[in-house]
Amino acid sequence: MKHANPINITQIDHVVIRVKDLETMITFYRDVLGCRLERGPGKSGLAQLRAGLSLIDLVDASGPLGRQGGAHPDPDAPNMDHVCFQVQPWQTDAIKEHLAQYDIDVGEMAQRYGASGVGPSIYLRDPEGNAVELKG
């Protein structure tokens, strides 16, 4: 007899990214993407930034927590393929203008599928080469 699965995932709680330059990455996620620094970084080298209902944890690869993950992240072999953030309301021109103020190269806007269905999205890279998708 098969039992009902007790795991009911409702959202992503947090994403952890190991980084080489913690301050630069905090600045990017705070100032460019609008996340709020909620905790840290402190002695552990962990900065937690609020991204809507979720958190982005940035871990200094040279700090106590980061050393547990092995060698430093490499721009030629990033930590992840990409992380996608839903953006509401979606304003293509305003988003592109804002990113241009920070000299952020943006990929072509296209309709892509994600958790909330098909919608507009663009790709960019954070200062350490991790791909970030912004999706409406």
C-alpha atoms as a PDB file:
ATOM      1  CA  MET A   1       0.000   0.000   0.000  1.00  0.00           C
ATOM      2  CA  LYS A   2       1.363   3.374  -1.043  1.00  0.00           C
ATOM      3  CA  HIS A   3       1.258   6.107   1.587  1.00  0.00           C
ATOM      4  CA  ALA A   4       0.540   9.752   0.871  1.00  0.00           C
ATOM      5  CA  ASN A   5       3.671  11.831   0.601  1.00  0.00           C
ATOM      6  CA  PRO A   6       3.951  14.043   3.709  1.00  0.00           C
ATOM      7  CA  ILE A   7       6.217  16.491   1.868  1.00  0.00           C
ATOM      8  CA  ASN A   8       4.240  19.376   0.387  1.00  0.00           C
ATOM      9  CA  ILE A   9       6.654  21.971  -0.991  1.00  0.00           C
ATOM     10  CA  THR A  10       5.045  25.396  -1.266  1.00  0.00           C
ATOM     11  CA  GLN A  11       7.980  27.626  -2.239  1.00  0.00           C
ATOM     12  CA  ILE A  12      11.753  27.856  -2.230  1.00  0.00           C
ATOM     13  CA  ASP A  13      12.837  28.935   1.257  1.00  0.00           C
ATOM     14  CA  HIS A  14      16.374  29.986   0.391  1.00  0.00           C
ATOM     15  CA  VAL A  15      19.200  29.596  -2.111  1.00  0.00           C
ATOM     16  CA  VAL A  16      22.818  29.471  -0.928  1.00  0.00           C
ATOM     17  CA  ILE A  17      25.575  30.865  -3.145  1.00  0.00           C
ATOM     18  CA  ARG A  18      29.245  30.489  -2.164  1.00  0.00           C
ATOM     19  CA  VAL A  19      31.127  33.663  -3.138  1.00  0.00           C
ATOM     20  CA  LYS A  20      34.675  35.007  -3.362  1.00  0.00           C
ATOM     21  CA  ASP A  21      33.895  38.696  -2.705  1.00  0.00           C
ATOM     22  CA  LEU A  22      31.093  38.886  -0.156  1.00  0.00           C
ATOM     23  CA  GLU A  23      30.790  42.695  -0.053  1.00  0.00           C
ATOM     24  CA  THR A  24      30.579  43.040  -3.851  1.00  0.00           C
ATOM     25  CA  MET A  25      27.938  40.323  -3.990  1.00  0.00           C
ATOM     26  CA  ILE A  26      25.920  41.896  -1.151  1.00  0.00           C
ATOM     27  CA  THR A  27      26.013  45.202  -3.025  1.00  0.00           C
ATOM     28  CA  PHE A  28      24.800  43.537  -6.241  1.00  0.00           C
ATOM     29  CA  TYR A  29      21.892  41.652  -4.678  1.00  0.00           C
ATOM     30  CA  ARG A  30      20.942  44.618  -2.451  1.00  0.00           C
ATOM     31  CA  ASP A  31      21.431  47.600  -4.756  1.00  0.00           C
ATOM     32  CA  VAL A  32      20.929  46.124  -8.219  1.00  0.00           C
ATOM     33  CA  LEU A  33      18.262  43.497  -7.521  1.00  0.00           C
ATOM     34  CA  GLY A  34      16.610  45.273  -4.582  1.00  0.00           C
ATOM     35  CA  CYS A  35      16.997  42.559  -1.938  1.00  0.00           C
ATOM     36  CA  ARG A  36      17.157  43.687   1.683  1.00  0.00           C
ATOM     37  CA  LEU A  37      20.079  42.594   3.858  1.00  0.00           C
ATOM     38  CA  GLU A  38      18.287  40.825   6.693  1.00  0.00           C
ATOM     39  CA  ARG A  39      21.112  39.208   8.672  1.00  0.00           C
ATOM     40  CA  GLY A  40      24.887  39.122   8.728  1.00  0.00           C
ATOM     41  CA  PRO A  41      27.433  38.805   7.489  1.00  0.00           C
ATOM     42  CA  GLY A  42      29.088  38.516  10.920  1.00  0.00           C
ATOM     43  CA  LYS A  43      31.922  36.151  11.880  1.00  0.00           C
ATOM     44  CA  SER A  44      30.434  33.182  10.037  1.00  0.00           C
ATOM     45  CA  GLY A  45      30.681  34.960   6.674  1.00  0.00           C
ATOM     46  CA  LEU A  46      26.975  34.413   5.942  1.00  0.00           C
ATOM     47  CA  ALA A  47      24.817  37.265   4.612  1.00  0.00           C
ATOM     48  CA  GLN A  48      21.084  36.632   4.275  1.00  0.00           C
ATOM     49  CA  LEU A  49      19.143  38.874   1.904  1.00  0.00           C
ATOM     50  CA  ARG A  50      15.353  38.964   1.653  1.00  0.00           C
ATOM     51  CA  ALA A  51      14.010  38.238  -1.845  1.00  0.00           C
ATOM     52  CA  GLY A  52      10.226  38.426  -1.527  1.00  0.00           C
ATOM     53  CA  LEU A  53       9.164  35.460   0.610  1.00  0.00           C
ATOM     54  CA  SER A  54      12.539  33.751   0.136  1.00  0.00           C
ATOM     55  CA  LEU A  55      16.138  34.349   1.164  1.00  0.00           C
ATOM     56  CA  ILE A  56      19.361  34.475  -0.781  1.00  0.00           C
ATOM     57  CA  ASP A  57      22.209  33.334   1.426  1.00  0.00           C
ATOM     58  CA  LEU A  58      25.657  34.516   0.369  1.00  0.00           C
ATOM     59  CA  VAL A  59      28.458  32.553   2.005  1.00  0.00           C
ATOM     60  CA  ASP A  60      32.048  33.816   1.958  1.00  0.00           C
ATOM     61  CA  ALA A  61      33.978  30.868   0.468  1.00  0.00           C
ATOM     62  CA  SER A  62      36.970  31.824   2.661  1.00  0.00           C
ATOM     63  CA  GLY A  63      34.913  31.977   5.864  1.00  0.00           C
ATOM     64  CA  PRO A  64      34.121  29.223   8.378  1.00  0.00           C
ATOM     65  CA  LEU A  65      30.969  28.072   6.569  1.00  0.00           C
ATOM     66  CA  GLY A  66      32.329  28.583   3.065  1.00  0.00           C
ATOM     67  CA  ARG A  67      35.461  26.492   3.600  1.00  0.00           C
ATOM     68  CA  GLN A  68      33.220  23.489   4.261  1.00  0.00           C
ATOM     69  CA  GLY A  69      32.136  23.618   0.599  1.00  0.00           C
ATOM     70  CA  GLY A  70      35.615  23.069  -0.843  1.00  0.00           C
ATOM     71  CA  ALA A  71      37.520  25.199  -3.337  1.00  0.00           C
ATOM     72  CA  HIS A  72      36.507  28.732  -4.276  1.00  0.00           C
ATOM     73  CA  PRO A  73      33.806  29.195  -6.905  1.00  0.00           C
ATOM     74  CA  ASP A  74      35.176  29.484 -10.451  1.00  0.00           C
ATOM     75  CA  PRO A  75      33.597  31.806 -13.066  1.00  0.00           C
ATOM     76  CA  ASP A  76      34.251  29.090 -15.673  1.00  0.00           C
ATOM     77  CA  ALA A  77      32.376  26.541 -13.524  1.00  0.00           C
ATOM     78  CA  PRO A  78      29.750  28.520 -11.561  1.00  0.00           C
ATOM     79  CA  ASN A  79      27.977  27.270  -8.448  1.00  0.00           C
ATOM     80  CA  MET A  80      24.695  26.754 -10.310  1.00  0.00           C
ATOM     81  CA  ASP A  81      23.161  27.025 -13.753  1.00  0.00           C
ATOM     82  CA  HIS A  82      20.910  29.922 -12.729  1.00  0.00           C
ATOM     83  CA  VAL A  83      18.409  31.110 -10.165  1.00  0.00           C
ATOM     84  CA  CYS A  84      15.153  32.709 -11.312  1.00  0.00           C
ATOM     85  CA  PHE A  85      13.416  35.522  -9.447  1.00  0.00           C
ATOM     86  CA  GLN A  86       9.828  36.465 -10.170  1.00  0.00           C
ATOM     87  CA  VAL A  87       9.375  40.217 -10.620  1.00  0.00           C
ATOM     88  CA  GLN A  88       5.969  41.892 -10.232  1.00  0.00           C
ATOM     89  CA  PRO A  89       4.968  44.154 -11.793  1.00  0.00           C
ATOM     90  CA  TRP A  90       6.999  43.433 -14.922  1.00  0.00           C
ATOM     91  CA  GLN A  91       8.186  46.622 -16.655  1.00  0.00           C
ATOM     92  CA  THR A  92      10.704  45.665 -19.341  1.00  0.00           C
ATOM     93  CA  ASP A  93      11.945  49.172 -20.142  1.00  0.00           C
ATOM     94  CA  ALA A  94      12.229  50.276 -16.513  1.00  0.00           C
ATOM     95  CA  ILE A  95      14.069  47.073 -15.565  1.00  0.00           C
ATOM     96  CA  LYS A  96      16.522  47.414 -18.467  1.00  0.00           C
ATOM     97  CA  GLU A  97      17.121  51.112 -17.679  1.00  0.00           C
ATOM     98  CA  HIS A  98      17.792  50.304 -14.012  1.00  0.00           C
ATOM     99  CA  LEU A  99      20.269  47.532 -14.878  1.00  0.00           C
ATOM    100  CA  ALA A 100      21.997  49.807 -17.418  1.00  0.00           C
ATOM    101  CA  GLN A 101      22.722  52.274 -14.586  1.00  0.00           C
ATOM    102  CA  TYR A 102      24.881  49.548 -13.049  1.00  0.00           C
ATOM    103  CA  ASP A 103      26.451  48.545 -16.401  1.00  0.00           C
ATOM    104  CA  ILE A 104      24.749  45.155 -16.213  1.00  0.00           C
ATOM    105  CA  ASP A 105      24.620  43.334 -19.561  1.00  0.00           C
ATOM    106  CA  VAL A 106      21.165  41.909 -20.134  1.00  0.00           C
ATOM    107  CA  GLY A 107      20.218  39.092 -22.467  1.00  0.00           C
ATOM    108  CA  GLU A 108      17.326  39.234 -24.884  1.00  0.00           C
ATOM    109  CA  MET A 109      13.857  39.443 -23.345  1.00  0.00           C
ATOM    110  CA  ALA A 110      11.857  36.328 -24.243  1.00  0.00           C
ATOM    111  CA  GLN A 111       8.745  34.470 -23.154  1.00  0.00           C
ATOM    112  CA  ARG A 112       9.803  31.549 -20.956  1.00  0.00           C
ATOM    113  CA  TYR A 113       8.038  28.986 -18.815  1.00  0.00           C
ATOM    114  CA  GLY A 114       8.415  28.831 -15.037  1.00  0.00           C
ATOM    115  CA  ALA A 115       6.477  28.066 -11.864  1.00  0.00           C
ATOM    116  CA  SER A 116       3.820  30.702 -12.600  1.00  0.00           C
ATOM    117  CA  GLY A 117       3.503  29.817 -16.301  1.00  0.00           C
ATOM    118  CA  VAL A 118       4.819  31.546 -19.388  1.00  0.00           C
ATOM    119  CA  GLY A 119       6.007  35.112 -18.988  1.00  0.00           C
ATOM    120  CA  PRO A 120       8.652  37.624 -19.992  1.00  0.00           C
ATOM    121  CA  SER A 121      12.165  37.019 -18.731  1.00  0.00           C
ATOM    122  CA  ILE A 122      15.708  38.250 -19.112  1.00  0.00           C
ATOM    123  CA  TYR A 123      19.045  36.809 -18.050  1.00  0.00           C
ATOM    124  CA  LEU A 124      22.012  38.602 -16.506  1.00  0.00           C
ATOM    125  CA  ARG A 125      25.069  37.649 -14.470  1.00  0.00           C
ATOM    126  CA  ASP A 126      26.037  38.642 -10.962  1.00  0.00           C
ATOM    127  CA  PRO A 127      29.601  39.923 -10.317  1.00  0.00           C
ATOM    128  CA  GLU A 128      30.934  36.374  -9.893  1.00  0.00           C
ATOM    129  CA  GLY A 129      29.408  34.985 -13.086  1.00  0.00           C
ATOM    130  CA  ASN A 130      26.302  33.268 -11.671  1.00  0.00           C
ATOM    131  CA  ALA A 131      23.364  33.489 -14.075  1.00  0.00           C
ATOM    132  CA  VAL A 132      20.256  35.221 -12.761  1.00  0.00           C
ATOM    133  CA  GLU A 133      16.887  35.165 -14.534  1.00  0.00           C
ATOM    134  CA  LEU A 134      14.338  37.883 -13.827  1.00  0.00           C
ATOM    135  CA  LYS A 135      10.842  36.714 -14.799  1.00  0.00           C
ATOM    136  CA  GLY A 136       7.470  38.447 -14.982  1.00  0.00           C
END
